[in-house]
Amino acid sequence: DNSAREPFLLVTRQTIQVNPHSQMTLDVTTFLQQVQQGNLAH
């Protein structure tokens, strides 16, 4: 869409990347953050 919202993917002719400013939740990221913070039960 040509909307004004932030896209989930940043695409150029050479590269593709997840937009760090998009609204996204990933369970793997949450798991890793909890491990790093020592919240092992969580």
PDB file of all heavy atoms in Angstrom:
ATOM      1  N   ASP A   1       0.854  -1.190   0.000  1.00  0.00           N
ATOM      2  CA  ASP A   1       0.000   0.000   0.000  1.00  0.00           C
ATOM      3  C   ASP A   1       0.889   1.238   0.000  1.00  0.00           C
ATOM      4  O   ASP A   1       1.980   1.233   0.546  1.00  0.00           O
ATOM      5  CB  ASP A   1      -0.885   0.047   1.262  1.00  0.00           C
ATOM      6  CG  ASP A   1      -1.785  -1.172   1.373  1.00  0.00           C
ATOM      7  OD1 ASP A   1      -2.005  -1.838   0.347  1.00  0.00           O
ATOM      8  OD2 ASP A   1      -2.238  -1.456   2.483  1.00  0.00           O
ATOM      9  N   ASN A   2       0.409   2.283  -0.560  1.00  0.00           N
ATOM     10  CA  ASN A   2       1.152   3.542  -0.559  1.00  0.00           C
ATOM     11  C   ASN A   2       0.720   4.411   0.616  1.00  0.00           C
ATOM     12  O   ASN A   2       0.636   5.622   0.507  1.00  0.00           O
ATOM     13  CB  ASN A   2       0.951   4.291  -1.879  1.00  0.00           C
ATOM     14  CG  ASN A   2       1.631   3.578  -3.022  1.00  0.00           C
ATOM     15  OD1 ASN A   2       2.662   2.945  -2.827  1.00  0.00           O
ATOM     16  ND2 ASN A   2       1.070   3.677  -4.210  1.00  0.00           N
ATOM     17  N   SER A   3       0.462   3.776   1.729  1.00  0.00           N
ATOM     18  CA  SER A   3       0.022   4.515   2.913  1.00  0.00           C
ATOM     19  C   SER A   3       1.213   5.162   3.609  1.00  0.00           C
ATOM     20  O   SER A   3       2.363   4.879   3.319  1.00  0.00           O
ATOM     21  CB  SER A   3      -0.707   3.578   3.882  1.00  0.00           C
ATOM     22  OG  SER A   3       0.179   2.603   4.362  1.00  0.00           O
ATOM     23  N   ALA A   4       0.922   6.005   4.558  1.00  0.00           N
ATOM     24  CA  ALA A   4       1.972   6.730   5.278  1.00  0.00           C
ATOM     25  C   ALA A   4       2.559   5.904   6.421  1.00  0.00           C
ATOM     26  O   ALA A   4       3.493   6.337   7.075  1.00  0.00           O
ATOM     27  CB  ALA A   4       1.396   8.031   5.826  1.00  0.00           C
ATOM     28  N   ARG A   5       2.036   4.710   6.661  1.00  0.00           N
ATOM     29  CA  ARG A   5       2.523   3.903   7.784  1.00  0.00           C
ATOM     30  C   ARG A   5       3.890   3.303   7.481  1.00  0.00           C
ATOM     31  O   ARG A   5       4.287   3.146   6.341  1.00  0.00           O
ATOM     32  CB  ARG A   5       1.528   2.806   8.144  1.00  0.00           C
ATOM     33  CG  ARG A   5       1.515   1.637   7.180  1.00  0.00           C
ATOM     34  CD  ARG A   5       0.770   0.461   7.785  1.00  0.00           C
ATOM     35  NE  ARG A   5       0.722  -0.664   6.907  1.00  0.00           N
ATOM     36  CZ  ARG A   5       1.694  -1.549   6.747  1.00  0.00           C
ATOM     37  NH1 ARG A   5       2.812  -1.435   7.400  1.00  0.00           N
ATOM     38  NH2 ARG A   5       1.561  -2.579   5.931  1.00  0.00           N
ATOM     39  N   GLU A   6       4.580   2.951   8.549  1.00  0.00           N
ATOM     40  CA  GLU A   6       5.885   2.306   8.430  1.00  0.00           C
ATOM     41  C   GLU A   6       5.695   0.902   7.855  1.00  0.00           C
ATOM     42  O   GLU A   6       4.880   0.130   8.356  1.00  0.00           O
ATOM     43  CB  GLU A   6       6.544   2.189   9.811  1.00  0.00           C
ATOM     44  CG  GLU A   6       6.994   3.494  10.399  1.00  0.00           C
ATOM     45  CD  GLU A   6       8.334   3.952   9.837  1.00  0.00           C
ATOM     46  OE1 GLU A   6       9.066   3.130   9.257  1.00  0.00           O
ATOM     47  OE2 GLU A   6       8.626   5.140   9.988  1.00  0.00           O
ATOM     48  N   PRO A   7       6.467   0.534   6.830  1.00  0.00           N
ATOM     49  CA  PRO A   7       6.369  -0.842   6.322  1.00  0.00           C
ATOM     50  C   PRO A   7       7.066  -1.808   7.274  1.00  0.00           C
ATOM     51  O   PRO A   7       7.921  -1.416   8.066  1.00  0.00           O
ATOM     52  CB  PRO A   7       7.106  -0.764   4.982  1.00  0.00           C
ATOM     53  CG  PRO A   7       8.090   0.346   5.173  1.00  0.00           C
ATOM     54  CD  PRO A   7       7.417   1.341   6.089  1.00  0.00           C
ATOM     55  N   PHE A   8       6.707  -3.075   7.196  1.00  0.00           N
ATOM     56  CA  PHE A   8       7.365  -4.098   8.000  1.00  0.00           C
ATOM     57  C   PHE A   8       8.737  -4.451   7.425  1.00  0.00           C
ATOM     58  O   PHE A   8       9.638  -4.828   8.155  1.00  0.00           O
ATOM     59  CB  PHE A   8       6.509  -5.361   8.103  1.00  0.00           C
ATOM     60  CG  PHE A   8       5.290  -5.176   8.965  1.00  0.00           C
ATOM     61  CD1 PHE A   8       4.031  -5.068   8.401  1.00  0.00           C
ATOM     62  CD2 PHE A   8       5.400  -5.092  10.343  1.00  0.00           C
ATOM     63  CE1 PHE A   8       2.908  -4.888   9.194  1.00  0.00           C
ATOM     64  CE2 PHE A   8       4.287  -4.918  11.145  1.00  0.00           C
ATOM     65  CZ  PHE A   8       3.037  -4.811  10.566  1.00  0.00           C
ATOM     66  N   LEU A   9       8.860  -4.333   6.106  1.00  0.00           N
ATOM     67  CA  LEU A   9      10.118  -4.667   5.448  1.00  0.00           C
ATOM     68  C   LEU A   9      10.681  -3.447   4.730  1.00  0.00           C
ATOM     69  O   LEU A   9       9.945  -2.710   4.085  1.00  0.00           O
ATOM     70  CB  LEU A   9       9.911  -5.798   4.434  1.00  0.00           C
ATOM     71  CG  LEU A   9       9.393  -7.120   4.984  1.00  0.00           C
ATOM     72  CD1 LEU A   9       9.129  -8.096   3.848  1.00  0.00           C
ATOM     73  CD2 LEU A   9      10.362  -7.714   5.983  1.00  0.00           C
ATOM     74  N   LEU A  10      11.985  -3.270   4.847  1.00  0.00           N
ATOM     75  CA  LEU A  10      12.691  -2.224   4.121  1.00  0.00           C
ATOM     76  C   LEU A  10      13.384  -2.905   2.945  1.00  0.00           C
ATOM     77  O   LEU A  10      14.272  -3.743   3.146  1.00  0.00           O
ATOM     78  CB  LEU A  10      13.711  -1.532   5.026  1.00  0.00           C
ATOM     79  CG  LEU A  10      13.144  -0.871   6.286  1.00  0.00           C
ATOM     80  CD1 LEU A  10      14.269  -0.331   7.152  1.00  0.00           C
ATOM     81  CD2 LEU A  10      12.150   0.223   5.915  1.00  0.00           C
ATOM     82  N   VAL A  11      12.953  -2.556   1.754  1.00  0.00           N
ATOM     83  CA  VAL A  11      13.425  -3.235   0.553  1.00  0.00           C
ATOM     84  C   VAL A  11      14.107  -2.228  -0.368  1.00  0.00           C
ATOM     85  O   VAL A  11      13.546  -1.182  -0.679  1.00  0.00           O
ATOM     86  CB  VAL A  11      12.245  -3.908  -0.187  1.00  0.00           C
ATOM     87  CG1 VAL A  11      12.713  -4.605  -1.451  1.00  0.00           C
ATOM     88  CG2 VAL A  11      11.529  -4.893   0.737  1.00  0.00           C
ATOM     89  N   THR A  12      15.321  -2.567  -0.767  1.00  0.00           N
ATOM     90  CA  THR A  12      16.028  -1.792  -1.788  1.00  0.00           C
ATOM     91  C   THR A  12      16.374  -2.740  -2.930  1.00  0.00           C
ATOM     92  O   THR A  12      16.106  -3.938  -2.853  1.00  0.00           O
ATOM     93  CB  THR A  12      17.328  -1.162  -1.234  1.00  0.00           C
ATOM     94  OG1 THR A  12      18.282  -2.200  -0.992  1.00  0.00           O
ATOM     95  CG2 THR A  12      17.079  -0.373   0.042  1.00  0.00           C
ATOM     96  N   ARG A  13      17.008  -2.225  -3.938  1.00  0.00           N
ATOM     97  CA  ARG A  13      17.406  -3.062  -5.073  1.00  0.00           C
ATOM     98  C   ARG A  13      18.445  -4.105  -4.644  1.00  0.00           C
ATOM     99  O   ARG A  13      18.549  -5.168  -5.238  1.00  0.00           O
ATOM    100  CB  ARG A  13      17.981  -2.215  -6.199  1.00  0.00           C
ATOM    101  CG  ARG A  13      16.919  -1.419  -6.938  1.00  0.00           C
ATOM    102  CD  ARG A  13      17.564  -0.520  -7.947  1.00  0.00           C
ATOM    103  NE  ARG A  13      17.166  -0.457  -9.320  1.00  0.00           N
ATOM    104  CZ  ARG A  13      16.586  -1.343 -10.106  1.00  0.00           C
ATOM    105  NH1 ARG A  13      16.274  -2.502  -9.641  1.00  0.00           N
ATOM    106  NH2 ARG A  13      16.308  -1.092 -11.358  1.00  0.00           N
ATOM    107  N   GLN A  14      19.226  -3.794  -3.602  1.00  0.00           N
ATOM    108  CA  GLN A  14      20.286  -4.696  -3.176  1.00  0.00           C
ATOM    109  C   GLN A  14      19.959  -5.485  -1.903  1.00  0.00           C
ATOM    110  O   GLN A  14      20.454  -6.596  -1.729  1.00  0.00           O
ATOM    111  CB  GLN A  14      21.590  -3.916  -2.913  1.00  0.00           C
ATOM    112  CG  GLN A  14      22.223  -3.314  -4.134  1.00  0.00           C
ATOM    113  CD  GLN A  14      21.580  -1.993  -4.546  1.00  0.00           C
ATOM    114  OE1 GLN A  14      21.028  -1.282  -3.719  1.00  0.00           O
ATOM    115  NE2 GLN A  14      21.638  -1.683  -5.829  1.00  0.00           N
ATOM    116  N   THR A  15      19.184  -4.897  -0.980  1.00  0.00           N
ATOM    117  CA  THR A  15      18.999  -5.509   0.335  1.00  0.00           C
ATOM    118  C   THR A  15      17.530  -5.570   0.762  1.00  0.00           C
ATOM    119  O   THR A  15      16.684  -4.833   0.255  1.00  0.00           O
ATOM    120  CB  THR A  15      19.778  -4.746   1.421  1.00  0.00           C
ATOM    121  OG1 THR A  15      19.248  -3.422   1.522  1.00  0.00           O
ATOM    122  CG2 THR A  15      21.266  -4.709   1.116  1.00  0.00           C
ATOM    123  N   ILE A  16      17.311  -6.439   1.739  1.00  0.00           N
ATOM    124  CA  ILE A  16      16.000  -6.581   2.374  1.00  0.00           C
ATOM    125  C   ILE A  16      16.260  -6.692   3.865  1.00  0.00           C
ATOM    126  O   ILE A  16      17.175  -7.401   4.300  1.00  0.00           O
ATOM    127  CB  ILE A  16      15.264  -7.838   1.869  1.00  0.00           C
ATOM    128  CG1 ILE A  16      15.125  -7.794   0.338  1.00  0.00           C
ATOM    129  CG2 ILE A  16      13.897  -7.967   2.545  1.00  0.00           C
ATOM    130  CD1 ILE A  16      14.716  -9.104  -0.279  1.00  0.00           C
ATOM    131  N   GLN A  17      15.455  -5.987   4.649  1.00  0.00           N
ATOM    132  CA  GLN A  17      15.628  -5.989   6.099  1.00  0.00           C
ATOM    133  C   GLN A  17      14.286  -5.742   6.769  1.00  0.00           C
ATOM    134  O   GLN A  17      13.430  -5.035   6.235  1.00  0.00           O
ATOM    135  CB  GLN A  17      16.611  -4.888   6.497  1.00  0.00           C
ATOM    136  CG  GLN A  17      16.831  -4.767   7.980  1.00  0.00           C
ATOM    137  CD  GLN A  17      17.823  -3.661   8.328  1.00  0.00           C
ATOM    138  OE1 GLN A  17      18.117  -2.792   7.524  1.00  0.00           O
ATOM    139  NE2 GLN A  17      18.328  -3.697   9.546  1.00  0.00           N
ATOM    140  N   VAL A  18      14.141  -6.291   7.957  1.00  0.00           N
ATOM    141  CA  VAL A  18      12.977  -5.979   8.776  1.00  0.00           C
ATOM    142  C   VAL A  18      13.136  -4.550   9.278  1.00  0.00           C
ATOM    143  O   VAL A  18      14.213  -4.147   9.723  1.00  0.00           O
ATOM    144  CB  VAL A  18      12.848  -6.970   9.956  1.00  0.00           C
ATOM    145  CG1 VAL A  18      11.828  -6.497  10.968  1.00  0.00           C
ATOM    146  CG2 VAL A  18      12.489  -8.345   9.447  1.00  0.00           C
ATOM    147  N   ASN A  19      12.074  -3.796   9.197  1.00  0.00           N
ATOM    148  CA  ASN A  19      12.079  -2.415   9.656  1.00  0.00           C
ATOM    149  C   ASN A  19      12.102  -2.400  11.185  1.00  0.00           C
ATOM    150  O   ASN A  19      11.155  -2.874  11.819  1.00  0.00           O
ATOM    151  CB  ASN A  19      10.838  -1.690   9.138  1.00  0.00           C
ATOM    152  CG  ASN A  19      10.804  -0.230   9.491  1.00  0.00           C
ATOM    153  OD1 ASN A  19      11.600   0.265  10.288  1.00  0.00           O
ATOM    154  ND2 ASN A  19       9.860   0.478   8.903  1.00  0.00           N
ATOM    155  N   PRO A  20      13.150  -1.865  11.803  1.00  0.00           N
ATOM    156  CA  PRO A  20      13.223  -1.863  13.265  1.00  0.00           C
ATOM    157  C   PRO A  20      12.164  -0.970  13.914  1.00  0.00           C
ATOM    158  O   PRO A  20      11.914  -1.086  15.112  1.00  0.00           O
ATOM    159  CB  PRO A  20      14.638  -1.354  13.564  1.00  0.00           C
ATOM    160  CG  PRO A  20      15.060  -0.629  12.339  1.00  0.00           C
ATOM    161  CD  PRO A  20      14.334  -1.255  11.189  1.00  0.00           C
ATOM    162  N   HIS A  21      11.511  -0.106  13.133  1.00  0.00           N
ATOM    163  CA  HIS A  21      10.493   0.788  13.677  1.00  0.00           C
ATOM    164  C   HIS A  21       9.071   0.251  13.500  1.00  0.00           C
ATOM    165  O   HIS A  21       8.119   0.885  13.933  1.00  0.00           O
ATOM    166  CB  HIS A  21      10.606   2.167  13.029  1.00  0.00           C
ATOM    167  CG  HIS A  21      11.963   2.776  13.203  1.00  0.00           C
ATOM    168  ND1 HIS A  21      12.456   3.159  14.426  1.00  0.00           N
ATOM    169  CD2 HIS A  21      12.944   3.025  12.307  1.00  0.00           C
ATOM    170  CE1 HIS A  21      13.678   3.634  14.279  1.00  0.00           C
ATOM    171  NE2 HIS A  21      14.007   3.563  13.011  1.00  0.00           N
ATOM    172  N   SER A  22       8.932  -0.903  12.859  1.00  0.00           N
ATOM    173  CA  SER A  22       7.594  -1.467  12.673  1.00  0.00           C
ATOM    174  C   SER A  22       7.114  -2.101  13.974  1.00  0.00           C
ATOM    175  O   SER A  22       7.907  -2.436  14.855  1.00  0.00           O
ATOM    176  CB  SER A  22       7.603  -2.495  11.539  1.00  0.00           C
ATOM    177  OG  SER A  22       8.446  -3.579  11.858  1.00  0.00           O
ATOM    178  N   GLN A  23       5.826  -2.266  14.089  1.00  0.00           N
ATOM    179  CA  GLN A  23       5.205  -2.858  15.273  1.00  0.00           C
ATOM    180  C   GLN A  23       5.165  -4.379  15.098  1.00  0.00           C
ATOM    181  O   GLN A  23       4.326  -4.894  14.363  1.00  0.00           O
ATOM    182  CB  GLN A  23       3.790  -2.300  15.468  1.00  0.00           C
ATOM    183  CG  GLN A  23       3.747  -0.817  15.716  1.00  0.00           C
ATOM    184  CD  GLN A  23       4.419  -0.460  17.031  1.00  0.00           C
ATOM    185  OE1 GLN A  23       4.144  -1.079  18.057  1.00  0.00           O
ATOM    186  NE2 GLN A  23       5.305   0.511  17.001  1.00  0.00           N
ATOM    187  N   MET A  24       6.087  -5.060  15.764  1.00  0.00           N
ATOM    188  CA  MET A  24       6.222  -6.497  15.583  1.00  0.00           C
ATOM    189  C   MET A  24       6.588  -7.158  16.912  1.00  0.00           C
ATOM    190  O   MET A  24       7.405  -6.629  17.653  1.00  0.00           O
ATOM    191  CB  MET A  24       7.322  -6.758  14.554  1.00  0.00           C
ATOM    192  CG  MET A  24       7.429  -8.174  14.097  1.00  0.00           C
ATOM    193  SD  MET A  24       8.733  -8.413  12.856  1.00  0.00           S
ATOM    194  CE  MET A  24       8.286  -7.241  11.597  1.00  0.00           C
ATOM    195  N   THR A  25       5.984  -8.291  17.173  1.00  0.00           N
ATOM    196  CA  THR A  25       6.302  -9.079  18.352  1.00  0.00           C
ATOM    197  C   THR A  25       6.701 -10.471  17.886  1.00  0.00           C
ATOM    198  O   THR A  25       6.002 -11.088  17.083  1.00  0.00           O
ATOM    199  CB  THR A  25       5.078  -9.186  19.290  1.00  0.00           C
ATOM    200  OG1 THR A  25       4.621  -7.882  19.616  1.00  0.00           O
ATOM    201  CG2 THR A  25       5.423  -9.943  20.544  1.00  0.00           C
ATOM    202  N   LEU A  26       7.833 -10.952  18.412  1.00  0.00           N
ATOM    203  CA  LEU A  26       8.330 -12.283  18.078  1.00  0.00           C
ATOM    204  C   LEU A  26       8.606 -13.032  19.369  1.00  0.00           C
ATOM    205  O   LEU A  26       9.347 -12.549  20.227  1.00  0.00           O
ATOM    206  CB  LEU A  26       9.614 -12.179  17.237  1.00  0.00           C
ATOM    207  CG  LEU A  26      10.336 -13.486  16.920  1.00  0.00           C
ATOM    208  CD1 LEU A  26       9.461 -14.406  16.073  1.00  0.00           C
ATOM    209  CD2 LEU A  26      11.649 -13.202  16.216  1.00  0.00           C
ATOM    210  N   ASP A  27       8.020 -14.214  19.512  1.00  0.00           N
ATOM    211  CA  ASP A  27       8.207 -14.994  20.733  1.00  0.00           C
ATOM    212  C   ASP A  27       9.666 -15.368  20.974  1.00  0.00           C
ATOM    213  O   ASP A  27      10.111 -15.422  22.115  1.00  0.00           O
ATOM    214  CB  ASP A  27       7.313 -16.238  20.736  1.00  0.00           C
ATOM    215  CG  ASP A  27       7.616 -17.219  19.610  1.00  0.00           C
ATOM    216  OD1 ASP A  27       8.315 -16.847  18.637  1.00  0.00           O
ATOM    217  OD2 ASP A  27       7.133 -18.355  19.681  1.00  0.00           O
ATOM    218  N   VAL A  28      10.439 -15.569  19.936  1.00  0.00           N
ATOM    219  CA  VAL A  28      11.855 -15.906  20.084  1.00  0.00           C
ATOM    220  C   VAL A  28      12.587 -14.754  20.773  1.00  0.00           C
ATOM    221  O   VAL A  28      13.403 -14.975  21.674  1.00  0.00           O
ATOM    222  CB  VAL A  28      12.505 -16.218  18.715  1.00  0.00           C
ATOM    223  CG1 VAL A  28      14.010 -16.396  18.847  1.00  0.00           C
ATOM    224  CG2 VAL A  28      11.863 -17.458  18.102  1.00  0.00           C
ATOM    225  N   THR A  29      12.290 -13.534  20.365  1.00  0.00           N
ATOM    226  CA  THR A  29      12.918 -12.353  20.965  1.00  0.00           C
ATOM    227  C   THR A  29      12.559 -12.256  22.441  1.00  0.00           C
ATOM    228  O   THR A  29      13.422 -12.000  23.283  1.00  0.00           O
ATOM    229  CB  THR A  29      12.482 -11.071  20.226  1.00  0.00           C
ATOM    230  OG1 THR A  29      12.819 -11.211  18.848  1.00  0.00           O
ATOM    231  CG2 THR A  29      13.150  -9.842  20.805  1.00  0.00           C
ATOM    232  N   THR A  30      11.301 -12.482  22.766  1.00  0.00           N
ATOM    233  CA  THR A  30      10.859 -12.436  24.163  1.00  0.00           C
ATOM    234  C   THR A  30      11.565 -13.509  24.980  1.00  0.00           C
ATOM    235  O   THR A  30      12.042 -13.247  26.089  1.00  0.00           O
ATOM    236  CB  THR A  30       9.330 -12.605  24.257  1.00  0.00           C
ATOM    237  OG1 THR A  30       8.708 -11.618  23.428  1.00  0.00           O
ATOM    238  CG2 THR A  30       8.846 -12.461  25.687  1.00  0.00           C
ATOM    239  N   PHE A  31      11.646 -14.714  24.435  1.00  0.00           N
ATOM    240  CA  PHE A  31      12.349 -15.809  25.111  1.00  0.00           C
ATOM    241  C   PHE A  31      13.802 -15.431  25.392  1.00  0.00           C
ATOM    242  O   PHE A  31      14.288 -15.565  26.514  1.00  0.00           O
ATOM    243  CB  PHE A  31      12.264 -17.079  24.246  1.00  0.00           C
ATOM    244  CG  PHE A  31      13.136 -18.207  24.723  1.00  0.00           C
ATOM    245  CD1 PHE A  31      12.819 -18.916  25.873  1.00  0.00           C
ATOM    246  CD2 PHE A  31      14.288 -18.551  24.025  1.00  0.00           C
ATOM    247  CE1 PHE A  31      13.630 -19.960  26.313  1.00  0.00           C
ATOM    248  CE2 PHE A  31      15.097 -19.588  24.460  1.00  0.00           C
ATOM    249  CZ  PHE A  31      14.775 -20.289  25.607  1.00  0.00           C
ATOM    250  N   LEU A  32      14.502 -14.930  24.386  1.00  0.00           N
ATOM    251  CA  LEU A  32      15.914 -14.560  24.539  1.00  0.00           C
ATOM    252  C   LEU A  32      16.095 -13.427  25.554  1.00  0.00           C
ATOM    253  O   LEU A  32      17.031 -13.463  26.364  1.00  0.00           O
ATOM    254  CB  LEU A  32      16.509 -14.159  23.187  1.00  0.00           C
ATOM    255  CG  LEU A  32      16.680 -15.291  22.178  1.00  0.00           C
ATOM    256  CD1 LEU A  32      17.065 -14.746  20.817  1.00  0.00           C
ATOM    257  CD2 LEU A  32      17.693 -16.311  22.664  1.00  0.00           C
ATOM    258  N   GLN A  33      15.210 -12.447  25.522  1.00  0.00           N
ATOM    259  CA  GLN A  33      15.299 -11.341  26.484  1.00  0.00           C
ATOM    260  C   GLN A  33      15.111 -11.837  27.908  1.00  0.00           C
ATOM    261  O   GLN A  33      15.841 -11.423  28.819  1.00  0.00           O
ATOM    262  CB  GLN A  33      14.254 -10.272  26.159  1.00  0.00           C
ATOM    263  CG  GLN A  33      14.569  -9.459  24.929  1.00  0.00           C
ATOM    264  CD  GLN A  33      13.409  -8.568  24.505  1.00  0.00           C
ATOM    265  OE1 GLN A  33      12.272  -8.743  24.921  1.00  0.00           O
ATOM    266  NE2 GLN A  33      13.709  -7.606  23.644  1.00  0.00           N
ATOM    267  N   GLN A  34      14.158 -12.724  28.111  1.00  0.00           N
ATOM    268  CA  GLN A  34      13.904 -13.258  29.447  1.00  0.00           C
ATOM    269  C   GLN A  34      15.103 -14.078  29.954  1.00  0.00           C
ATOM    270  O   GLN A  34      15.470 -13.986  31.116  1.00  0.00           O
ATOM    271  CB  GLN A  34      12.627 -14.101  29.460  1.00  0.00           C
ATOM    272  CG  GLN A  34      11.356 -13.316  29.217  1.00  0.00           C
ATOM    273  CD  GLN A  34      11.108 -12.261  30.275  1.00  0.00           C
ATOM    274  OE1 GLN A  34      11.201 -12.522  31.471  1.00  0.00           O
ATOM    275  NE2 GLN A  34      10.809 -11.042  29.840  1.00  0.00           N
ATOM    276  N   VAL A  35      15.716 -14.849  29.063  1.00  0.00           N
ATOM    277  CA  VAL A  35      16.901 -15.624  29.447  1.00  0.00           C
ATOM    278  C   VAL A  35      18.029 -14.673  29.831  1.00  0.00           C
ATOM    279  O   VAL A  35      18.680 -14.842  30.872  1.00  0.00           O
ATOM    280  CB  VAL A  35      17.345 -16.584  28.313  1.00  0.00           C
ATOM    281  CG1 VAL A  35      18.726 -17.152  28.583  1.00  0.00           C
ATOM    282  CG2 VAL A  35      16.333 -17.705  28.135  1.00  0.00           C
ATOM    283  N   GLN A  36      18.275 -13.653  29.008  1.00  0.00           N
ATOM    284  CA  GLN A  36      19.359 -12.704  29.276  1.00  0.00           C
ATOM    285  C   GLN A  36      19.138 -11.937  30.568  1.00  0.00           C
ATOM    286  O   GLN A  36      20.099 -11.608  31.263  1.00  0.00           O
ATOM    287  CB  GLN A  36      19.506 -11.721  28.109  1.00  0.00           C
ATOM    288  CG  GLN A  36      20.079 -12.362  26.870  1.00  0.00           C
ATOM    289  CD  GLN A  36      20.017 -11.449  25.656  1.00  0.00           C
ATOM    290  OE1 GLN A  36      19.398 -10.393  25.677  1.00  0.00           O
ATOM    291  NE2 GLN A  36      20.662 -11.868  24.583  1.00  0.00           N
ATOM    292  N   GLN A  37      17.891 -11.668  30.915  1.00  0.00           N
ATOM    293  CA  GLN A  37      17.585 -10.942  32.145  1.00  0.00           C
ATOM    294  C   GLN A  37      17.552 -11.859  33.361  1.00  0.00           C
ATOM    295  O   GLN A  37      17.377 -11.387  34.483  1.00  0.00           O
ATOM    296  CB  GLN A  37      16.243 -10.213  32.006  1.00  0.00           C
ATOM    297  CG  GLN A  37      16.266  -9.110  30.971  1.00  0.00           C
ATOM    298  CD  GLN A  37      14.883  -8.561  30.667  1.00  0.00           C
ATOM    299  OE1 GLN A  37      13.887  -8.975  31.267  1.00  0.00           O
ATOM    300  NE2 GLN A  37      14.813  -7.634  29.727  1.00  0.00           N
ATOM    301  N   GLY A  38      17.708 -13.149  33.139  1.00  0.00           N
ATOM    302  CA  GLY A  38      17.695 -14.098  34.247  1.00  0.00           C
ATOM    303  C   GLY A  38      16.310 -14.488  34.722  1.00  0.00           C
ATOM    304  O   GLY A  38      16.170 -15.148  35.751  1.00  0.00           O
ATOM    305  N   ASN A  39      15.287 -14.114  33.983  1.00  0.00           N
ATOM    306  CA  ASN A  39      13.906 -14.479  34.315  1.00  0.00           C
ATOM    307  C   ASN A  39      13.603 -15.850  33.689  1.00  0.00           C
ATOM    308  O   ASN A  39      12.811 -15.963  32.753  1.00  0.00           O
ATOM    309  CB  ASN A  39      12.923 -13.431  33.795  1.00  0.00           C
ATOM    310  CG  ASN A  39      13.165 -12.076  34.389  1.00  0.00           C
ATOM    311  OD1 ASN A  39      13.580 -11.955  35.531  1.00  0.00           O
ATOM    312  ND2 ASN A  39      12.920 -11.043  33.611  1.00  0.00           N
ATOM    313  N   LEU A  40      14.239 -16.865  34.224  1.00  0.00           N
ATOM    314  CA  LEU A  40      14.202 -18.174  33.585  1.00  0.00           C
ATOM    315  C   LEU A  40      12.818 -18.806  33.578  1.00  0.00           C
ATOM    316  O   LEU A  40      12.431 -19.443  32.594  1.00  0.00           O
ATOM    317  CB  LEU A  40      15.218 -19.108  34.254  1.00  0.00           C
ATOM    318  CG  LEU A  40      16.667 -18.611  34.218  1.00  0.00           C
ATOM    319  CD1 LEU A  40      17.590 -19.620  34.887  1.00  0.00           C
ATOM    320  CD2 LEU A  40      17.107 -18.318  32.801  1.00  0.00           C
ATOM    321  N   ALA A  41      12.067 -18.642  34.639  1.00  0.00           N
ATOM    322  CA  ALA A  41      10.714 -19.207  34.678  1.00  0.00           C
ATOM    323  C   ALA A  41       9.833 -18.556  33.612  1.00  0.00           C
ATOM    324  O   ALA A  41       9.036 -19.238  32.954  1.00  0.00           O
ATOM    325  CB  ALA A  41      10.098 -19.034  36.064  1.00  0.00           C
ATOM    326  N   HIS A  42       9.983 -17.244  33.437  1.00  0.00           N
ATOM    327  CA  HIS A  42       9.224 -16.558  32.387  1.00  0.00           C
ATOM    328  C   HIS A  42       9.703 -16.996  31.009  1.00  0.00           C
ATOM    329  O   HIS A  42       8.903 -17.158  30.086  1.00  0.00           O
ATOM    330  CB  HIS A  42       9.339 -15.042  32.531  1.00  0.00           C
ATOM    331  CG  HIS A  42       8.570 -14.502  33.682  1.00  0.00           C
ATOM    332  ND1 HIS A  42       9.187 -13.968  34.782  1.00  0.00           N
ATOM    333  CD2 HIS A  42       7.242 -14.429  33.907  1.00  0.00           C
ATOM    334  CE1 HIS A  42       8.265 -13.590  35.639  1.00  0.00           C
ATOM    335  NE2 HIS A  42       7.072 -13.858  35.138  1.00  0.00           N
TER     336      HIS A  42
END
